[in-house]
């Protein structure tokens, strides 16, 4: 996809910031919600990319890091945890 085609496609998907009560927010079109498999009440996490752009992810990066540490501990202490489970 050429850069101009990508720019034209991105322009059609522009989101507007709107006042919602005492706050501001983005209104996501239902087509985008369906494409991302999101519904009201779901959480998304903004992740800053090396090029300065933002990526939205339904996965909490802090939780993922915590789970990786937990998996390492469980691998390292597998025998001890098995003995404790008896």
PDB file of N, CA and C in Angstrom:
ATOM      1  N   UNK A   1       0.855  -1.170   0.000  1.00  0.00           N
ATOM      2  CA  UNK A   1       0.000   0.000   0.000  1.00  0.00           C
ATOM      3  C   UNK A   1       0.900   1.231   0.000  1.00  0.00           C
ATOM      4  N   UNK A   2       0.629   2.158  -0.899  1.00  0.00           N
ATOM      5  CA  UNK A   2       1.444   3.360  -0.978  1.00  0.00           C
ATOM      6  C   UNK A   2       1.143   4.276   0.203  1.00  0.00           C
ATOM      7  N   UNK A   3       2.069   5.181   0.456  1.00  0.00           N
ATOM      8  CA  UNK A   3       1.897   6.083   1.604  1.00  0.00           C
ATOM      9  C   UNK A   3       0.673   6.984   1.427  1.00  0.00           C
ATOM     10  N   UNK A   4       0.413   7.461   0.205  1.00  0.00           N
ATOM     11  CA  UNK A   4      -0.751   8.330  -0.011  1.00  0.00           C
ATOM     12  C   UNK A   4      -2.049   7.564   0.172  1.00  0.00           C
ATOM     13  N   UNK A   5      -2.084   6.296  -0.246  1.00  0.00           N
ATOM     14  CA  UNK A   5      -3.279   5.479  -0.039  1.00  0.00           C
ATOM     15  C   UNK A   5      -3.490   5.213   1.452  1.00  0.00           C
ATOM     16  N   UNK A   6      -2.400   4.984   2.153  1.00  0.00           N
ATOM     17  CA  UNK A   6      -2.482   4.755   3.599  1.00  0.00           C
ATOM     18  C   UNK A   6      -2.960   6.016   4.312  1.00  0.00           C
ATOM     19  N   UNK A   7      -2.464   7.187   3.884  1.00  0.00           N
ATOM     20  CA  UNK A   7      -2.902   8.455   4.478  1.00  0.00           C
ATOM     21  C   UNK A   7      -4.387   8.694   4.235  1.00  0.00           C
ATOM     22  N   UNK A   8      -4.856   8.391   3.024  1.00  0.00           N
ATOM     23  CA  UNK A   8      -6.276   8.577   2.701  1.00  0.00           C
ATOM     24  C   UNK A   8      -7.137   7.640   3.532  1.00  0.00           C
ATOM     25  N   UNK A   9      -6.675   6.405   3.712  1.00  0.00           N
ATOM     26  CA  UNK A   9      -7.426   5.439   4.518  1.00  0.00           C
ATOM     27  C   UNK A   9      -7.449   5.883   5.986  1.00  0.00           C
ATOM     28  N   UNK A  10      -6.320   6.356   6.495  1.00  0.00           N
ATOM     29  CA  UNK A  10      -6.243   6.819   7.889  1.00  0.00           C
ATOM     30  C   UNK A  10      -7.138   8.031   8.105  1.00  0.00           C
ATOM     31  N   UNK A  11      -7.211   8.920   7.120  1.00  0.00           N
ATOM     32  CA  UNK A  11      -8.047  10.109   7.258  1.00  0.00           C
ATOM     33  C   UNK A  11      -9.515   9.737   7.388  1.00  0.00           C
ATOM     34  N   UNK A  12      -9.942   8.704   6.688  1.00  0.00           N
ATOM     35  CA  UNK A  12     -11.327   8.250   6.777  1.00  0.00           C
ATOM     36  C   UNK A  12     -11.642   7.627   8.126  1.00  0.00           C
ATOM     37  N   UNK A  13     -10.618   7.201   8.861  1.00  0.00           N
ATOM     38  CA  UNK A  13     -10.805   6.567  10.159  1.00  0.00           C
ATOM     39  C   UNK A  13     -10.497   7.511  11.314  1.00  0.00           C
ATOM     40  N   UNK A  14     -10.389   8.798  11.045  1.00  0.00           N
ATOM     41  CA  UNK A  14     -10.046   9.751  12.094  1.00  0.00           C
ATOM     42  C   UNK A  14     -11.122   9.748  13.177  1.00  0.00           C
ATOM     43  N   UNK A  15     -10.683   9.819  14.413  1.00  0.00           N
ATOM     44  CA  UNK A  15     -11.585   9.871  15.558  1.00  0.00           C
ATOM     45  C   UNK A  15     -11.569  11.281  16.122  1.00  0.00           C
ATOM     46  N   UNK A  16     -12.683  11.726  16.592  1.00  0.00           N
ATOM     47  CA  UNK A  16     -12.791  13.071  17.158  1.00  0.00           C
ATOM     48  C   UNK A  16     -12.865  12.967  18.676  1.00  0.00           C
ATOM     49  N   UNK A  17     -12.176  13.885  19.335  1.00  0.00           N
ATOM     50  CA  UNK A  17     -12.248  13.961  20.787  1.00  0.00           C
ATOM     51  C   UNK A  17     -13.491  14.765  21.127  1.00  0.00           C
ATOM     52  N   UNK A  18     -14.314  14.197  22.013  1.00  0.00           N
ATOM     53  CA  UNK A  18     -15.582  14.849  22.377  1.00  0.00           C
ATOM     54  C   UNK A  18     -15.701  14.958  23.898  1.00  0.00           C
ATOM     55  N   UNK A  19     -16.450  15.964  24.315  1.00  0.00           N
ATOM     56  CA  UNK A  19     -16.735  16.139  25.739  1.00  0.00           C
ATOM     57  C   UNK A  19     -17.771  15.104  26.152  1.00  0.00           C
ATOM     58  N   UNK A  20     -17.474  14.387  27.247  1.00  0.00           N
ATOM     59  CA  UNK A  20     -18.381  13.385  27.799  1.00  0.00           C
ATOM     60  C   UNK A  20     -18.486  13.691  29.291  1.00  0.00           C
ATOM     61  N   UNK A  21     -19.573  14.328  29.680  1.00  0.00           N
ATOM     62  CA  UNK A  21     -19.709  14.751  31.075  1.00  0.00           C
ATOM     63  C   UNK A  21     -18.648  15.795  31.388  1.00  0.00           C
ATOM     64  N   UNK A  22     -17.872  15.557  32.447  1.00  0.00           N
ATOM     65  CA  UNK A  22     -16.795  16.474  32.821  1.00  0.00           C
ATOM     66  C   UNK A  22     -15.461  16.062  32.220  1.00  0.00           C
ATOM     67  N   UNK A  23     -15.459  15.038  31.391  1.00  0.00           N
ATOM     68  CA  UNK A  23     -14.234  14.521  30.796  1.00  0.00           C
ATOM     69  C   UNK A  23     -14.287  14.665  29.283  1.00  0.00           C
ATOM     70  N   UNK A  24     -13.258  14.181  28.626  1.00  0.00           N
ATOM     71  CA  UNK A  24     -13.249  14.081  27.172  1.00  0.00           C
ATOM     72  C   UNK A  24     -12.918  12.647  26.812  1.00  0.00           C
ATOM     73  N   UNK A  25     -13.346  12.230  25.643  1.00  0.00           N
ATOM     74  CA  UNK A  25     -13.083  10.862  25.237  1.00  0.00           C
ATOM     75  C   UNK A  25     -13.197  10.710  23.733  1.00  0.00           C
ATOM     76  N   UNK A  26     -12.832   9.539  23.271  1.00  0.00           N
ATOM     77  CA  UNK A  26     -12.941   9.186  21.864  1.00  0.00           C
ATOM     78  C   UNK A  26     -14.157   8.295  21.691  1.00  0.00           C
ATOM     79  N   UNK A  27     -14.935   8.570  20.680  1.00  0.00           N
ATOM     80  CA  UNK A  27     -16.065   7.713  20.347  1.00  0.00           C
ATOM     81  C   UNK A  27     -15.600   6.778  19.243  1.00  0.00           C
ATOM     82  N   UNK A  28     -15.630   5.478  19.503  1.00  0.00           N
ATOM     83  CA  UNK A  28     -15.208   4.498  18.512  1.00  0.00           C
ATOM     84  C   UNK A  28     -16.424   4.004  17.739  1.00  0.00           C
ATOM     85  N   UNK A  29     -16.359   4.032  16.418  1.00  0.00           N
ATOM     86  CA  UNK A  29     -17.485   3.534  15.629  1.00  0.00           C
ATOM     87  C   UNK A  29     -17.693   2.040  15.865  1.00  0.00           C
ATOM     88  N   UNK A  30     -18.945   1.592  15.730  1.00  0.00           N
ATOM     89  CA  UNK A  30     -19.241   0.187  16.026  1.00  0.00           C
ATOM     90  C   UNK A  30     -18.486  -0.751  15.101  1.00  0.00           C
ATOM     91  N   UNK A  31     -18.175  -0.324  13.875  1.00  0.00           N
ATOM     92  CA  UNK A  31     -17.404  -1.177  12.964  1.00  0.00           C
ATOM     93  C   UNK A  31     -16.001  -1.438  13.514  1.00  0.00           C
ATOM     94  N   UNK A  32     -15.396  -0.388  14.097  1.00  0.00           N
ATOM     95  CA  UNK A  32     -14.066  -0.536  14.678  1.00  0.00           C
ATOM     96  C   UNK A  32     -14.122  -1.407  15.927  1.00  0.00           C
ATOM     97  N   UNK A  33     -15.142  -1.223  16.750  1.00  0.00           N
ATOM     98  CA  UNK A  33     -15.298  -2.055  17.947  1.00  0.00           C
ATOM     99  C   UNK A  33     -15.432  -3.527  17.558  1.00  0.00           C
ATOM    100  N   UNK A  34     -16.217  -3.797  16.525  1.00  0.00           N
ATOM    101  CA  UNK A  34     -16.399  -5.178  16.077  1.00  0.00           C
ATOM    102  C   UNK A  34     -15.085  -5.743  15.547  1.00  0.00           C
ATOM    103  N   UNK A  35     -14.358  -4.941  14.786  1.00  0.00           N
ATOM    104  CA  UNK A  35     -13.086  -5.400  14.218  1.00  0.00           C
ATOM    105  C   UNK A  35     -12.074  -5.715  15.303  1.00  0.00           C
ATOM    106  N   UNK A  36     -12.078  -4.926  16.375  1.00  0.00           N
ATOM    107  CA  UNK A  36     -11.144  -5.125  17.482  1.00  0.00           C
ATOM    108  C   UNK A  36     -11.679  -6.069  18.551  1.00  0.00           C
ATOM    109  N   UNK A  37     -12.900  -6.552  18.357  1.00  0.00           N
ATOM    110  CA  UNK A  37     -13.552  -7.452  19.311  1.00  0.00           C
ATOM    111  C   UNK A  37     -13.631  -6.808  20.698  1.00  0.00           C
ATOM    112  N   UNK A  38     -14.065  -5.538  20.725  1.00  0.00           N
ATOM    113  CA  UNK A  38     -14.209  -4.800  21.972  1.00  0.00           C
ATOM    114  C   UNK A  38     -15.676  -4.473  22.212  1.00  0.00           C
ATOM    115  N   UNK A  39     -16.013  -4.314  23.490  1.00  0.00           N
ATOM    116  CA  UNK A  39     -17.374  -3.911  23.843  1.00  0.00           C
ATOM    117  C   UNK A  39     -17.286  -2.903  24.983  1.00  0.00           C
ATOM    118  N   UNK A  40     -18.406  -2.289  25.304  1.00  0.00           N
ATOM    119  CA  UNK A  40     -18.435  -1.297  26.372  1.00  0.00           C
ATOM    120  C   UNK A  40     -17.913  -1.915  27.669  1.00  0.00           C
ATOM    121  N   UNK A  41     -17.046  -1.185  28.341  1.00  0.00           N
ATOM    122  CA  UNK A  41     -16.483  -1.655  29.606  1.00  0.00           C
ATOM    123  C   UNK A  41     -15.128  -2.336  29.463  1.00  0.00           C
ATOM    124  N   UNK A  42     -14.748  -2.737  28.235  1.00  0.00           N
ATOM    125  CA  UNK A  42     -13.435  -3.349  28.023  1.00  0.00           C
ATOM    126  C   UNK A  42     -12.346  -2.302  28.239  1.00  0.00           C
ATOM    127  N   UNK A  43     -11.167  -2.774  28.600  1.00  0.00           N
ATOM    128  CA  UNK A  43     -10.030  -1.877  28.784  1.00  0.00           C
ATOM    129  C   UNK A  43      -9.067  -2.047  27.614  1.00  0.00           C
ATOM    130  N   UNK A  44      -8.456  -0.943  27.209  1.00  0.00           N
ATOM    131  CA  UNK A  44      -7.370  -0.974  26.243  1.00  0.00           C
ATOM    132  C   UNK A  44      -6.218  -0.177  26.834  1.00  0.00           C
ATOM    133  N   UNK A  45      -5.017  -0.570  26.510  1.00  0.00           N
ATOM    134  CA  UNK A  45      -3.832   0.052  27.065  1.00  0.00           C
ATOM    135  C   UNK A  45      -3.036   0.716  25.944  1.00  0.00           C
ATOM    136  N   UNK A  46      -2.714   2.017  26.084  1.00  0.00           N
ATOM    137  CA  UNK A  46      -1.895   2.679  25.061  1.00  0.00           C
ATOM    138  C   UNK A  46      -0.429   2.309  25.257  1.00  0.00           C
ATOM    139  N   UNK A  47       0.204   1.866  24.194  1.00  0.00           N
ATOM    140  CA  UNK A  47       1.614   1.498  24.236  1.00  0.00           C
ATOM    141  C   UNK A  47       2.366   2.398  23.268  1.00  0.00           C
ATOM    142  N   UNK A  48       3.316   3.174  23.792  1.00  0.00           N
ATOM    143  CA  UNK A  48       4.087   4.056  22.921  1.00  0.00           C
ATOM    144  C   UNK A  48       5.108   3.225  22.161  1.00  0.00           C
ATOM    145  N   UNK A  49       5.168   3.429  20.861  1.00  0.00           N
ATOM    146  CA  UNK A  49       6.068   2.703  19.985  1.00  0.00           C
ATOM    147  C   UNK A  49       7.372   3.480  19.809  1.00  0.00           C
ATOM    148  N   UNK A  50       8.452   2.807  19.394  1.00  0.00           N
ATOM    149  CA  UNK A  50       9.736   3.500  19.212  1.00  0.00           C
ATOM    150  C   UNK A  50       9.681   4.680  18.238  1.00  0.00           C
ATOM    151  N   UNK A  51       8.774   4.616  17.259  1.00  0.00           N
ATOM    152  CA  UNK A  51       8.679   5.711  16.291  1.00  0.00           C
ATOM    153  C   UNK A  51       7.810   6.866  16.794  1.00  0.00           C
ATOM    154  N   UNK A  52       7.322   6.786  18.048  1.00  0.00           N
ATOM    155  CA  UNK A  52       6.519   7.851  18.628  1.00  0.00           C
ATOM    156  C   UNK A  52       5.020   7.659  18.456  1.00  0.00           C
ATOM    157  N   UNK A  53       4.609   6.670  17.687  1.00  0.00           N
ATOM    158  CA  UNK A  53       3.178   6.411  17.504  1.00  0.00           C
ATOM    159  C   UNK A  53       2.640   5.651  18.715  1.00  0.00           C
ATOM    160  N   UNK A  54       1.329   5.538  18.795  1.00  0.00           N
ATOM    161  CA  UNK A  54       0.691   4.789  19.875  1.00  0.00           C
ATOM    162  C   UNK A  54       0.003   3.564  19.314  1.00  0.00           C
ATOM    163  N   UNK A  55       0.035   2.496  20.074  1.00  0.00           N
ATOM    164  CA  UNK A  55      -0.668   1.272  19.717  1.00  0.00           C
ATOM    165  C   UNK A  55      -1.608   0.955  20.866  1.00  0.00           C
ATOM    166  N   UNK A  56      -2.844   0.611  20.562  1.00  0.00           N
ATOM    167  CA  UNK A  56      -3.799   0.222  21.591  1.00  0.00           C
ATOM    168  C   UNK A  56      -3.829  -1.294  21.674  1.00  0.00           C
ATOM    169  N   UNK A  57      -3.759  -1.815  22.878  1.00  0.00           N
ATOM    170  CA  UNK A  57      -3.752  -3.253  23.076  1.00  0.00           C
ATOM    171  C   UNK A  57      -4.737  -3.618  24.183  1.00  0.00           C
ATOM    172  N   UNK A  58      -5.461  -4.738  24.024  1.00  0.00           N
ATOM    173  CA  UNK A  58      -6.340  -5.176  25.104  1.00  0.00           C
ATOM    174  C   UNK A  58      -5.572  -5.852  26.234  1.00  0.00           C
ATOM    175  N   UNK A  59      -4.265  -6.046  26.060  1.00  0.00           N
ATOM    176  CA  UNK A  59      -3.449  -6.735  27.051  1.00  0.00           C
ATOM    177  C   UNK A  59      -2.629  -5.738  27.850  1.00  0.00           C
ATOM    178  N   UNK A  60      -2.647  -5.881  29.170  1.00  0.00           N
ATOM    179  CA  UNK A  60      -1.888  -5.016  30.061  1.00  0.00           C
ATOM    180  C   UNK A  60      -0.424  -5.456  30.036  1.00  0.00           C
ATOM    181  N   UNK A  61       0.492  -4.627  29.545  1.00  0.00           N
ATOM    182  CA  UNK A  61       1.894  -5.034  29.466  1.00  0.00           C
ATOM    183  C   UNK A  61       2.510  -5.304  30.837  1.00  0.00           C
ATOM    184  N   UNK A  62       2.060  -4.608  31.882  1.00  0.00           N
ATOM    185  CA  UNK A  62       2.595  -4.861  33.224  1.00  0.00           C
ATOM    186  C   UNK A  62       2.177  -6.244  33.707  1.00  0.00           C
ATOM    187  N   UNK A  63       0.927  -6.633  33.416  1.00  0.00           N
ATOM    188  CA  UNK A  63       0.455  -7.959  33.803  1.00  0.00           C
ATOM    189  C   UNK A  63       1.230  -9.035  33.053  1.00  0.00           C
ATOM    190  N   UNK A  64       1.494  -8.825  31.777  1.00  0.00           N
ATOM    191  CA  UNK A  64       2.237  -9.796  30.977  1.00  0.00           C
ATOM    192  C   UNK A  64       3.639  -9.991  31.549  1.00  0.00           C
ATOM    193  N   UNK A  65       4.298  -8.906  31.949  1.00  0.00           N
ATOM    194  CA  UNK A  65       5.642  -9.001  32.535  1.00  0.00           C
ATOM    195  C   UNK A  65       5.589  -9.749  33.864  1.00  0.00           C
ATOM    196  N   UNK A  66       4.585  -9.460  34.682  1.00  0.00           N
ATOM    197  CA  UNK A  66       4.426 -10.146  35.965  1.00  0.00           C
ATOM    198  C   UNK A  66       4.214 -11.642  35.758  1.00  0.00           C
ATOM    199  N   UNK A  67       3.401 -12.004  34.779  1.00  0.00           N
ATOM    200  CA  UNK A  67       3.147 -13.420  34.503  1.00  0.00           C
ATOM    201  C   UNK A  67       4.405 -14.129  34.005  1.00  0.00           C
ATOM    202  N   UNK A  68       5.230 -13.452  33.230  1.00  0.00           N
ATOM    203  CA  UNK A  68       6.481 -14.052  32.759  1.00  0.00           C
ATOM    204  C   UNK A  68       7.404 -14.335  33.939  1.00  0.00           C
ATOM    205  N   UNK A  69       7.486 -13.413  34.889  1.00  0.00           N
ATOM    206  CA  UNK A  69       8.306 -13.626  36.086  1.00  0.00           C
ATOM    207  C   UNK A  69       7.758 -14.807  36.885  1.00  0.00           C
ATOM    208  N   UNK A  70       6.430 -14.885  37.026  1.00  0.00           N
ATOM    209  CA  UNK A  70       5.815 -15.991  37.764  1.00  0.00           C
ATOM    210  C   UNK A  70       6.131 -17.329  37.091  1.00  0.00           C
ATOM    211  N   UNK A  71       6.078 -17.372  35.759  1.00  0.00           N
ATOM    212  CA  UNK A  71       6.390 -18.622  35.038  1.00  0.00           C
ATOM    213  C   UNK A  71       7.837 -19.041  35.267  1.00  0.00           C
ATOM    214  N   UNK A  72       8.756 -18.061  35.293  1.00  0.00           N
ATOM    215  CA  UNK A  72      10.164 -18.375  35.549  1.00  0.00           C
ATOM    216  C   UNK A  72      10.346 -18.968  36.948  1.00  0.00           C
ATOM    217  N   UNK A  73       9.682 -18.364  37.939  1.00  0.00           N
ATOM    218  CA  UNK A  73       9.780 -18.859  39.315  1.00  0.00           C
ATOM    219  C   UNK A  73       9.210 -20.276  39.403  1.00  0.00           C
ATOM    220  N   UNK A  74       8.060 -20.513  38.757  1.00  0.00           N
ATOM    221  CA  UNK A  74       7.450 -21.850  38.810  1.00  0.00           C
ATOM    222  C   UNK A  74       8.335 -22.893  38.136  1.00  0.00           C
ATOM    223  N   UNK A  75       9.018 -22.508  37.044  1.00  0.00           N
ATOM    224  CA  UNK A  75       9.941 -23.458  36.400  1.00  0.00           C
ATOM    225  C   UNK A  75      11.124 -23.759  37.318  1.00  0.00           C
ATOM    226  N   UNK A  76      11.669 -22.716  37.917  1.00  0.00           N
ATOM    227  CA  UNK A  76      12.850 -22.874  38.758  1.00  0.00           C
ATOM    228  C   UNK A  76      12.554 -23.695  40.018  1.00  0.00           C
ATOM    229  N   UNK A  77      11.381 -23.510  40.600  1.00  0.00           N
ATOM    230  CA  UNK A  77      11.034 -24.190  41.851  1.00  0.00           C
ATOM    231  C   UNK A  77       9.956 -25.260  41.646  1.00  0.00           C
ATOM    232  N   UNK A  78       9.965 -25.897  40.486  1.00  0.00           N
ATOM    233  CA  UNK A  78       8.957 -26.902  40.158  1.00  0.00           C
ATOM    234  C   UNK A  78       8.906 -28.023  41.208  1.00  0.00           C
ATOM    235  N   UNK A  79      10.051 -28.565  41.590  1.00  0.00           N
ATOM    236  CA  UNK A  79      10.081 -29.663  42.562  1.00  0.00           C
ATOM    237  C   UNK A  79       9.561 -29.202  43.923  1.00  0.00           C
ATOM    238  N   UNK A  80       9.952 -28.033  44.362  1.00  0.00           N
ATOM    239  CA  UNK A  80       9.504 -27.520  45.652  1.00  0.00           C
ATOM    240  C   UNK A  80       7.999 -27.293  45.646  1.00  0.00           C
ATOM    241  N   UNK A  81       7.486 -26.719  44.579  1.00  0.00           N
ATOM    242  CA  UNK A  81       6.041 -26.470  44.491  1.00  0.00           C
ATOM    243  C   UNK A  81       5.262 -27.777  44.426  1.00  0.00           C
ATOM    244  N   UNK A  82       5.800 -28.784  43.745  1.00  0.00           N
ATOM    245  CA  UNK A  82       5.136 -30.101  43.681  1.00  0.00           C
ATOM    246  C   UNK A  82       5.090 -30.739  45.060  1.00  0.00           C
ATOM    247  N   UNK A  83       6.173 -30.618  45.826  1.00  0.00           N
ATOM    248  CA  UNK A  83       6.214 -31.188  47.179  1.00  0.00           C
ATOM    249  C   UNK A  83       5.208 -30.455  48.084  1.00  0.00           C
ATOM    250  N   UNK A  84       5.102 -29.165  47.953  1.00  0.00           N
ATOM    251  CA  UNK A  84       4.175 -28.405  48.768  1.00  0.00           C
ATOM    252  C   UNK A  84       2.722 -28.716  48.418  1.00  0.00           C
ATOM    253  N   UNK A  85       2.480 -29.107  47.170  1.00  0.00           N
ATOM    254  CA  UNK A  85       1.107 -29.395  46.725  1.00  0.00           C
ATOM    255  C   UNK A  85       0.597 -30.737  47.238  1.00  0.00           C
ATOM    256  N   UNK A  86       1.477 -31.583  47.765  1.00  0.00           N
ATOM    257  CA  UNK A  86       1.056 -32.904  48.253  1.00  0.00           C
ATOM    258  C   UNK A  86       0.309 -32.801  49.543  1.00  0.00           C
TER     259      UNK A  86
END
